[in-house]
Amino acid sequence: MNRKFYLSSTDKKLGGVCGGIAEYFGIDSLLVRIAFLVLILGCGTGLLAYIILWILAPKK
């Protein structure tokens, strides 16, 4: 299995990061969005991770 992480062009609200992660792992994007929200509200690292992934991840 040779799969690669890309920003989602179809399942995106802001940058496509959560949709891309959901497509990569084959899970619902709502779960990924909730996880990022918990990380953002809990310790603030979710926002930094989201921005880094948004900048570095290739577009599909």
Protein backbone atom coordinates (compact mmCIF):
# COMPACT_ATOMS: atom_id res chain seq x y z
CA MET A 1 0.00 0.00 0.00
CA ASN A 2 1.59 3.24 -1.15
CA ARG A 3 -0.58 6.08 0.04
CA LYS A 4 0.36 9.67 0.61
CA PHE A 5 -1.11 12.51 2.64
CA TYR A 6 -2.60 15.38 0.65
CA LEU A 7 -4.76 18.35 1.52
CA SER A 8 -8.33 17.50 0.63
CA SER A 9 -9.83 19.48 -2.20
CA THR A 10 -13.34 18.11 -1.71
CA ASP A 11 -13.74 17.81 2.08
CA LYS A 12 -12.47 21.09 3.41
CA LYS A 13 -13.75 23.86 5.61
CA LEU A 14 -10.63 26.00 5.91
CA GLY A 15 -7.49 24.49 4.45
CA GLY A 16 -8.33 20.85 3.82
CA VAL A 17 -6.03 19.49 6.53
CA CYS A 18 -8.69 17.63 8.51
CA GLY A 19 -10.29 16.27 5.36
CA GLY A 20 -6.91 15.08 4.11
CA ILE A 21 -6.12 13.34 7.39
CA ALA A 22 -9.55 11.70 7.36
CA GLU A 23 -9.06 10.47 3.78
CA TYR A 24 -5.59 9.14 4.63
CA PHE A 25 -6.79 7.12 7.61
CA GLY A 26 -10.22 6.27 6.17
CA ILE A 27 -12.22 7.84 8.99
CA ASP A 28 -14.92 10.49 9.22
CA SER A 29 -13.59 14.03 8.92
CA LEU A 30 -15.84 15.20 11.76
CA LEU A 31 -13.82 13.05 14.17
CA VAL A 32 -10.59 14.67 13.00
CA ARG A 33 -12.09 18.14 13.32
CA ILE A 34 -13.24 17.38 16.87
CA ALA A 35 -9.76 16.10 17.75
CA PHE A 36 -8.16 19.31 16.44
CA LEU A 37 -10.69 21.39 18.36
CA VAL A 38 -9.88 19.54 21.57
CA LEU A 39 -6.15 20.08 20.97
CA ILE A 40 -6.68 23.76 20.24
CA LEU A 41 -8.83 24.38 23.30
CA GLY A 42 -6.87 22.08 25.58
CA CYS A 43 -3.28 23.10 25.12
CA GLY A 44 -3.10 25.18 21.95
CA THR A 45 -0.87 22.79 20.02
CA GLY A 46 -3.63 21.86 17.60
CA LEU A 47 -3.57 25.27 15.98
CA LEU A 48 0.17 25.15 15.45
CA ALA A 49 -0.04 21.62 14.03
CA TYR A 50 -2.88 22.64 11.71
CA ILE A 51 -0.95 25.64 10.36
CA ILE A 52 2.23 23.61 9.83
CA LEU A 53 0.33 20.88 7.99
CA TRP A 54 -1.52 23.47 5.91
CA ILE A 55 1.77 25.02 4.80
CA LEU A 56 3.79 21.84 4.25
CA ALA A 57 1.27 19.33 2.90
CA PRO A 58 0.93 19.09 -0.88
CA LYS A 59 -2.37 19.78 -2.60
CA LYS A 60 -4.05 16.90 -4.38
